[in-house]
Each structure stands twice: as C-alpha cells, then as structure tokens.
Amino acid sequence: MELLTKEQLNQLTEEYASAIVDSMEMDDLVNFVYDSLMDRLGDMGQEDLLCEIEADFPELLEEFVAENLTSKE
C-alpha cells in the first residue's frame, strides 16, 4: 500500500474512530470516557485541576472543601 497523504490519513483515522464508537455498547462508551478523563485529569497538576473544577463545577469544589478541609471543632 502506498503512503497516504496527511488528509487521507486524517479521514481514515476519523472513519476508524467512528467505526469503533459505533461498535461499542453504551456501558463500554461510558467506561471509556471515564477512563480517558481520569487519565487526562490525573496528568494535570493540582492548580490546573482545581481551576478546571472551579470553572466547570464550582459547587463540587465548594462541597469538597466544606466536607474535607474545614476544621472541625
């Protein structure tokens, strides 16, 4: 097989990714997304992660701080 152009390789990659997704069950898709997110978020530094959480789900961060970091008397 001859080498593909960059555009052809991108198109083939997109079609392959779509075929993989189309063949997956919903539970498999959910697990894949969760694992992918955990990998990406796990690679982030604490400051970047906290900024992202604060931007997307500030209530989650507030609840976590209240439950875990507030001194209990």
Protein backbone atom coordinates (compact mmCIF):
# COMPACT_ATOMS: atom_id res chain seq x y z
CA MET A 1 0.00 0.00 0.00
CA GLU A 2 1.35 3.40 -0.89
CA LEU A 3 1.65 6.12 1.70
CA LEU A 4 -1.43 8.20 2.34
CA THR A 5 -1.49 11.95 2.22
CA LYS A 6 -2.00 13.74 5.54
CA GLU A 7 -5.61 14.49 4.59
CA GLN A 8 -6.26 10.86 3.61
CA LEU A 9 -4.73 9.62 6.85
CA ASN A 10 -6.87 12.05 8.86
CA GLN A 11 -10.00 10.92 7.00
CA LEU A 12 -9.18 7.24 7.54
CA THR A 13 -8.47 7.90 11.23
CA GLU A 14 -11.83 9.67 11.64
CA GLU A 15 -13.68 6.84 9.90
CA TYR A 16 -11.88 4.25 12.04
CA ALA A 17 -12.68 6.13 15.26
CA SER A 18 -16.33 6.37 14.20
CA ALA A 19 -16.44 2.65 13.45
CA ILE A 20 -15.01 1.84 16.89
CA VAL A 21 -17.53 4.11 18.63
CA ASP A 22 -20.42 2.72 16.57
CA SER A 23 -19.50 -0.83 17.59
CA MET A 24 -19.40 -0.08 21.33
CA GLU A 25 -22.21 -0.64 23.81
CA MET A 26 -23.29 2.32 25.96
CA ASP A 27 -21.64 0.90 29.10
CA ASP A 28 -18.38 0.50 27.18
CA LEU A 29 -18.59 4.10 25.95
CA VAL A 30 -19.21 5.39 29.47
CA ASN A 31 -16.28 3.38 30.85
CA PHE A 32 -14.02 4.57 28.04
CA VAL A 33 -14.90 8.22 28.62
CA TYR A 34 -14.45 7.85 32.38
CA ASP A 35 -11.05 6.17 31.97
CA SER A 36 -9.95 8.80 29.44
CA LEU A 37 -11.00 11.62 31.75
CA MET A 38 -9.24 10.04 34.73
CA ASP A 39 -6.04 9.70 32.68
CA ARG A 40 -6.19 13.31 31.50
CA LEU A 41 -7.16 14.75 34.85
CA GLY A 42 -4.60 12.58 36.66
CA ASP A 43 -1.86 14.07 34.50
CA MET A 44 -2.82 17.62 35.49
CA GLY A 45 -1.14 19.50 38.27
CA GLN A 46 -3.18 20.37 41.35
CA GLU A 47 -3.52 24.04 40.45
CA ASP A 48 -4.72 23.32 36.91
CA LEU A 49 -7.14 20.67 38.13
CA LEU A 50 -8.60 22.95 40.81
CA CYS A 51 -9.02 25.75 38.25
CA GLU A 52 -10.82 23.41 35.87
CA ILE A 53 -13.12 22.08 38.58
CA GLU A 54 -13.86 25.60 39.77
CA ALA A 55 -14.71 26.70 36.23
CA ASP A 56 -16.92 23.70 35.41
CA PHE A 57 -18.40 22.57 38.73
CA PRO A 58 -17.75 25.17 41.43
CA GLU A 59 -20.32 23.59 43.75
CA LEU A 60 -18.36 20.32 43.69
CA LEU A 61 -15.22 22.09 44.83
CA GLU A 62 -17.09 24.08 47.50
CA GLU A 63 -18.73 20.93 48.89
CA PHE A 64 -15.44 19.04 48.90
CA VAL A 65 -13.66 21.84 50.74
CA ALA A 66 -16.50 22.17 53.26
CA GLU A 67 -16.55 18.45 53.95
CA ASN A 68 -12.82 17.74 53.91
CA LEU A 69 -10.78 20.85 54.61
CA THR A 70 -12.83 22.86 57.07
CA SER A 71 -11.51 22.44 60.60
CA LYS A 72 -13.99 20.62 62.76
CA GLU A 73 -14.38 21.76 66.32
